[in-house]
Amino acid sequence: MRVTLNQAMVSIEPLRIEIDRENDGRFLASVPDLPGVMAYADTEDAAVRKAKSIALQMMADMVASGDEVPEPLKALFAA
């Protein structure tokens, strides 16, 4: 028996990430919708990747513990 599933694609906006360059040349990426989520790196790309990883881990923990995910980020969990 072959089962075919139709999957709906959900269009979501990516995480909003702000990037600053420090005086020492490092980049700081932060997620304004998740206070405290920030990451330093030597390149802008690496800082963004790290911040995304931290943000996703934090949101997964929020969902697992039953905490409310901030409104702008709820689209990431649309089914």
Protein backbone atom coordinates (compact mmCIF):
# COMPACT_ATOMS: atom_id res chain seq x y z
CA MET A 1 0.00 0.00 0.00
CA ARG A 2 1.33 3.39 -0.95
CA VAL A 3 0.30 6.46 1.00
CA THR A 4 0.77 9.94 -0.39
CA LEU A 5 0.71 12.87 1.98
CA ASN A 6 -0.04 16.37 0.82
CA GLN A 7 2.07 18.79 2.75
CA ALA A 8 1.12 22.42 2.98
CA MET A 9 4.04 24.79 2.80
CA VAL A 10 3.87 27.55 5.37
CA SER A 11 5.47 30.82 4.43
CA ILE A 12 7.23 32.30 7.43
CA GLU A 13 9.36 35.32 7.98
CA PRO A 14 12.83 34.59 9.30
CA LEU A 15 13.92 35.65 12.73
CA ARG A 16 14.62 39.37 12.93
CA ILE A 17 18.30 39.69 13.77
CA GLU A 18 20.15 42.92 14.47
CA ILE A 19 23.88 43.08 13.81
CA ASP A 20 26.38 45.48 15.34
CA ARG A 21 30.11 45.70 14.85
CA GLU A 22 32.05 46.18 18.04
CA ASN A 23 35.12 48.40 18.38
CA ASP A 24 37.35 45.33 18.49
CA GLY A 25 36.01 44.18 15.08
CA ARG A 26 33.78 41.37 16.31
CA PHE A 27 30.17 41.16 15.20
CA LEU A 28 27.29 40.95 17.66
CA ALA A 29 24.03 39.42 16.41
CA SER A 30 20.95 39.72 18.61
CA VAL A 31 17.28 38.73 18.35
CA PRO A 32 15.14 41.65 19.59
CA ASP A 33 12.05 39.45 20.03
CA LEU A 34 13.97 37.20 22.45
CA PRO A 35 15.80 39.41 24.96
CA GLY A 36 19.14 37.99 25.94
CA VAL A 37 19.63 36.02 22.74
CA MET A 38 22.89 37.28 21.28
CA ALA A 39 26.11 35.91 19.89
CA TYR A 40 29.57 37.26 19.10
CA ALA A 41 31.71 36.06 16.19
CA ASP A 42 34.56 37.17 13.96
CA THR A 43 32.30 37.35 10.90
CA GLU A 44 28.78 38.65 10.39
CA ASP A 45 27.63 35.31 8.95
CA ALA A 46 28.98 33.32 11.89
CA ALA A 47 27.34 35.67 14.40
CA VAL A 48 23.97 35.33 12.64
CA ARG A 49 24.24 31.52 12.54
CA LYS A 50 25.06 31.38 16.24
CA ALA A 51 22.21 33.74 17.17
CA LYS A 52 19.72 31.70 15.10
CA SER A 53 20.86 28.51 16.78
CA ILE A 54 20.48 29.99 20.26
CA ALA A 55 17.07 31.48 19.39
CA LEU A 56 15.75 28.17 18.06
CA GLN A 57 17.00 26.30 21.12
CA MET A 58 15.37 28.87 23.39
CA MET A 59 12.05 28.68 21.54
CA ALA A 60 12.11 24.87 21.59
CA ASP A 61 12.61 25.01 25.37
CA MET A 62 9.71 27.47 25.67
CA VAL A 63 7.40 25.17 23.70
CA ALA A 64 8.53 22.08 25.64
CA SER A 65 7.89 23.75 29.00
CA GLY A 66 4.55 25.22 27.94
CA ASP A 67 5.73 28.84 28.01
CA GLU A 68 4.23 31.32 25.57
CA VAL A 69 6.36 32.01 22.49
CA PRO A 70 6.56 35.75 21.69
CA GLU A 71 3.84 36.79 19.21
CA PRO A 72 6.13 37.72 16.27
CA LEU A 73 7.70 34.25 16.39
CA LYS A 74 4.55 32.12 16.62
CA ALA A 75 4.53 31.73 12.81
CA LEU A 76 7.61 29.51 13.19
CA PHE A 77 5.37 26.94 14.86
CA ALA A 78 2.42 27.10 12.47
CA ALA A 79 1.12 23.70 11.49
